[in-house]
């Protein structure tokens, strides 16, 4: 199993990918030459990736539940209120 630090790094990578995909999808939707098929495919890929990210967040919450923190420790990303 990966260390907590590795999981946080991977989580941030997935979050960054979801963010980039969302921005690319918005650009595609604004493009005047975009076809309905391209938009449908882009939305599907985005939502599959987004749902995977949400599921990962829920699993990480189970593995690493929120606990009282000392003042020098940051909350894990999946335990922060969204």
N, C-alpha and C. Protein backbone atom coordinates (compact mmCIF):
# COMPACT_ATOMS: atom_id res chain seq x y z
N UNK A 1 0.83 -1.18 0.00
CA UNK A 1 0.00 0.00 0.00
C UNK A 1 0.88 1.25 0.00
N UNK A 2 0.39 2.28 -0.66
CA UNK A 2 1.16 3.51 -0.76
C UNK A 2 1.12 4.28 0.55
N UNK A 3 2.14 5.10 0.73
CA UNK A 3 2.20 5.93 1.94
C UNK A 3 1.18 7.07 1.82
N UNK A 4 0.90 7.68 2.94
CA UNK A 4 -0.05 8.79 2.96
C UNK A 4 0.43 9.92 2.05
N UNK A 5 1.71 10.20 2.06
CA UNK A 5 2.27 11.26 1.21
C UNK A 5 2.08 10.95 -0.27
N UNK A 6 2.29 9.68 -0.64
CA UNK A 6 2.09 9.28 -2.04
C UNK A 6 0.62 9.40 -2.43
N UNK A 7 -0.27 9.03 -1.52
CA UNK A 7 -1.70 9.14 -1.80
C UNK A 7 -2.13 10.60 -1.97
N UNK A 8 -1.60 11.48 -1.14
CA UNK A 8 -1.92 12.90 -1.26
C UNK A 8 -1.42 13.43 -2.62
N UNK A 9 -0.21 13.05 -3.01
CA UNK A 9 0.33 13.49 -4.30
C UNK A 9 -0.52 12.97 -5.45
N UNK A 10 -0.91 11.70 -5.40
CA UNK A 10 -1.74 11.12 -6.45
C UNK A 10 -3.11 11.80 -6.49
N UNK A 11 -3.67 12.07 -5.31
CA UNK A 11 -4.95 12.76 -5.22
C UNK A 11 -4.87 14.12 -5.91
N UNK A 12 -3.80 14.85 -5.62
CA UNK A 12 -3.63 16.18 -6.24
C UNK A 12 -3.47 16.06 -7.76
N UNK A 13 -2.77 15.03 -8.22
CA UNK A 13 -2.63 14.80 -9.66
C UNK A 13 -3.99 14.56 -10.32
N UNK A 14 -4.80 13.73 -9.70
CA UNK A 14 -6.13 13.43 -10.25
C UNK A 14 -6.99 14.70 -10.25
N UNK A 15 -6.92 15.46 -9.16
CA UNK A 15 -7.69 16.69 -9.07
C UNK A 15 -7.26 17.67 -10.17
N UNK A 16 -5.97 17.77 -10.41
CA UNK A 16 -5.45 18.65 -11.46
C UNK A 16 -5.95 18.20 -12.83
N UNK A 17 -5.98 16.89 -13.06
CA UNK A 17 -6.47 16.36 -14.33
C UNK A 17 -7.94 16.69 -14.53
N UNK A 18 -8.74 16.51 -13.49
CA UNK A 18 -10.17 16.84 -13.57
C UNK A 18 -10.34 18.32 -13.88
N UNK A 19 -9.56 19.17 -13.24
CA UNK A 19 -9.65 20.61 -13.47
C UNK A 19 -9.30 20.94 -14.92
N UNK A 20 -8.21 20.38 -15.43
CA UNK A 20 -7.79 20.64 -16.82
C UNK A 20 -8.84 20.13 -17.81
N UNK A 21 -9.40 18.95 -17.52
CA UNK A 21 -10.42 18.40 -18.41
C UNK A 21 -11.66 19.30 -18.43
N UNK A 22 -12.05 19.81 -17.29
CA UNK A 22 -13.20 20.71 -17.23
C UNK A 22 -12.98 21.97 -18.04
N UNK A 23 -11.79 22.55 -17.93
CA UNK A 23 -11.48 23.76 -18.69
C UNK A 23 -11.42 23.46 -20.19
N UNK A 24 -10.84 22.32 -20.56
CA UNK A 24 -10.78 21.94 -21.98
C UNK A 24 -12.18 21.70 -22.53
N UNK A 25 -13.04 21.10 -21.73
CA UNK A 25 -14.42 20.86 -22.16
C UNK A 25 -15.14 22.18 -22.39
N UNK A 26 -14.95 23.14 -21.50
CA UNK A 26 -15.57 24.45 -21.69
C UNK A 26 -15.07 25.14 -22.96
N UNK A 27 -13.78 25.02 -23.23
CA UNK A 27 -13.23 25.57 -24.47
C UNK A 27 -13.85 24.90 -25.68
N UNK A 28 -13.98 23.58 -25.63
CA UNK A 28 -14.59 22.84 -26.72
C UNK A 28 -16.04 23.28 -26.94
N UNK A 29 -16.76 23.49 -25.85
CA UNK A 29 -18.16 23.89 -25.95
C UNK A 29 -18.30 25.28 -26.58
N UNK A 30 -17.29 26.14 -26.40
CA UNK A 30 -17.32 27.49 -26.98
C UNK A 30 -16.85 27.51 -28.43
N UNK A 31 -16.20 26.44 -28.87
CA UNK A 31 -15.64 26.43 -30.21
C UNK A 31 -16.76 26.34 -31.24
N UNK A 32 -16.76 27.23 -32.22
CA UNK A 32 -17.87 27.26 -33.18
C UNK A 32 -17.93 26.03 -34.10
N UNK A 33 -16.83 25.34 -34.27
CA UNK A 33 -16.81 24.18 -35.17
C UNK A 33 -17.01 22.85 -34.45
N UNK A 34 -17.23 22.89 -33.14
CA UNK A 34 -17.40 21.65 -32.38
C UNK A 34 -18.71 20.98 -32.78
N UNK A 35 -18.64 19.67 -32.96
CA UNK A 35 -19.84 18.92 -33.33
C UNK A 35 -20.52 18.37 -32.07
N UNK A 36 -21.76 18.00 -32.23
CA UNK A 36 -22.51 17.42 -31.10
C UNK A 36 -21.83 16.14 -30.62
N UNK A 37 -21.30 15.35 -31.54
CA UNK A 37 -20.61 14.10 -31.16
C UNK A 37 -19.36 14.39 -30.32
N UNK A 38 -18.60 15.41 -30.72
CA UNK A 38 -17.40 15.78 -29.97
C UNK A 38 -17.77 16.25 -28.56
N UNK A 39 -18.82 17.04 -28.49
CA UNK A 39 -19.26 17.53 -27.18
C UNK A 39 -19.73 16.39 -26.29
N UNK A 40 -20.49 15.47 -26.86
CA UNK A 40 -20.96 14.31 -26.08
C UNK A 40 -19.80 13.46 -25.59
N UNK A 41 -18.83 13.22 -26.47
CA UNK A 41 -17.67 12.41 -26.09
C UNK A 41 -16.86 13.11 -25.01
N UNK A 42 -16.65 14.43 -25.15
CA UNK A 42 -15.90 15.18 -24.16
C UNK A 42 -16.59 15.20 -22.81
N UNK A 43 -17.90 15.40 -22.82
CA UNK A 43 -18.65 15.39 -21.56
C UNK A 43 -18.60 14.03 -20.89
N UNK A 44 -18.75 12.97 -21.67
CA UNK A 44 -18.71 11.63 -21.11
C UNK A 44 -17.36 11.35 -20.45
N UNK A 45 -16.28 11.68 -21.16
CA UNK A 45 -14.94 11.44 -20.60
C UNK A 45 -14.72 12.27 -19.33
N UNK A 46 -15.20 13.52 -19.36
CA UNK A 46 -15.05 14.36 -18.18
C UNK A 46 -15.81 13.77 -16.99
N UNK A 47 -17.05 13.40 -17.20
CA UNK A 47 -17.86 12.91 -16.09
C UNK A 47 -17.37 11.57 -15.56
N UNK A 48 -16.84 10.72 -16.42
CA UNK A 48 -16.26 9.45 -15.95
C UNK A 48 -15.06 9.76 -15.05
N UNK A 49 -14.19 10.67 -15.49
CA UNK A 49 -13.02 11.03 -14.69
C UNK A 49 -13.44 11.72 -13.40
N UNK A 50 -14.41 12.61 -13.47
CA UNK A 50 -14.89 13.31 -12.28
C UNK A 50 -15.47 12.31 -11.27
N UNK A 51 -16.28 11.38 -11.75
CA UNK A 51 -16.86 10.39 -10.84
C UNK A 51 -15.79 9.50 -10.21
N UNK A 52 -14.75 9.18 -10.97
CA UNK A 52 -13.64 8.41 -10.43
C UNK A 52 -12.95 9.20 -9.31
N UNK A 53 -12.77 10.49 -9.51
CA UNK A 53 -12.16 11.34 -8.50
C UNK A 53 -13.03 11.38 -7.24
N UNK A 54 -14.34 11.50 -7.41
CA UNK A 54 -15.25 11.53 -6.26
C UNK A 54 -15.18 10.21 -5.50
N UNK A 55 -15.18 9.08 -6.22
CA UNK A 55 -15.09 7.77 -5.57
C UNK A 55 -13.77 7.63 -4.81
N UNK A 56 -12.68 8.09 -5.42
CA UNK A 56 -11.37 8.03 -4.74
C UNK A 56 -11.42 8.85 -3.46
N UNK A 57 -12.04 10.00 -3.52
CA UNK A 57 -12.16 10.86 -2.34
C UNK A 57 -12.93 10.15 -1.22
N UNK A 58 -14.02 9.48 -1.58
CA UNK A 58 -14.81 8.77 -0.58
C UNK A 58 -14.03 7.60 0.03
N UNK A 59 -13.32 6.87 -0.80
CA UNK A 59 -12.51 5.75 -0.29
C UNK A 59 -11.40 6.26 0.63
N UNK A 60 -10.78 7.36 0.26
CA UNK A 60 -9.72 7.92 1.10
C UNK A 60 -10.28 8.42 2.43
N UNK A 61 -11.49 8.93 2.41
CA UNK A 61 -12.12 9.34 3.67
C UNK A 61 -12.32 8.15 4.59
N UNK A 62 -12.63 6.98 4.01
CA UNK A 62 -12.79 5.77 4.82
C UNK A 62 -11.44 5.32 5.39
N UNK A 63 -10.41 5.34 4.53
CA UNK A 63 -9.08 4.88 4.95
C UNK A 63 -8.43 5.83 5.95
N UNK A 64 -8.62 7.12 5.73
CA UNK A 64 -7.99 8.14 6.57
C UNK A 64 -9.05 9.11 7.06
N UNK A 65 -9.84 8.70 8.05
CA UNK A 65 -10.90 9.59 8.54
C UNK A 65 -10.30 10.82 9.22
N UNK A 66 -11.12 11.85 9.30
CA UNK A 66 -10.68 13.08 9.97
C UNK A 66 -10.39 12.77 11.43
N UNK A 67 -9.36 13.39 11.94
CA UNK A 67 -8.99 13.21 13.35
C UNK A 67 -8.56 14.56 13.90
N UNK A 68 -8.57 14.69 15.21
CA UNK A 68 -8.13 15.97 15.79
C UNK A 68 -6.70 16.27 15.35
N UNK A 69 -6.49 17.50 14.95
CA UNK A 69 -5.18 17.89 14.43
C UNK A 69 -4.40 18.69 15.46
N UNK A 70 -3.10 18.57 15.39
CA UNK A 70 -2.30 19.50 16.16
C UNK A 70 -2.23 20.79 15.34
N UNK A 71 -1.89 21.90 15.95
CA UNK A 71 -1.96 23.19 15.24
C UNK A 71 -1.02 23.30 14.04
N UNK A 72 -0.04 22.42 13.93
CA UNK A 72 0.93 22.52 12.85
C UNK A 72 0.66 21.55 11.72
N UNK A 73 -0.41 20.79 11.81
CA UNK A 73 -0.71 19.78 10.81
C UNK A 73 -1.91 20.22 9.98
N UNK A 74 -1.76 20.17 8.65
CA UNK A 74 -2.88 20.53 7.77
C UNK A 74 -3.82 19.34 7.62
N UNK A 75 -5.09 19.65 7.37
CA UNK A 75 -6.06 18.59 7.10
C UNK A 75 -5.72 17.92 5.79
N UNK A 76 -6.02 16.63 5.71
CA UNK A 76 -5.84 15.93 4.44
C UNK A 76 -6.87 16.47 3.45
N UNK A 77 -6.53 16.52 2.16
CA UNK A 77 -7.43 17.14 1.18
C UNK A 77 -8.83 16.53 1.18
N UNK A 78 -8.94 15.22 1.39
CA UNK A 78 -10.24 14.58 1.31
C UNK A 78 -11.05 14.75 2.60
N UNK A 79 -10.45 15.31 3.65
CA UNK A 79 -11.18 15.57 4.88
C UNK A 79 -11.61 17.02 4.99
N UNK A 80 -11.17 17.85 4.05
CA UNK A 80 -11.57 19.25 4.08
C UNK A 80 -13.02 19.38 3.61
N UNK A 81 -13.69 20.36 4.14
CA UNK A 81 -15.06 20.60 3.70
C UNK A 81 -15.03 21.16 2.29
N UNK A 82 -15.85 20.57 1.40
CA UNK A 82 -15.84 21.05 0.01
C UNK A 82 -17.04 21.89 -0.29
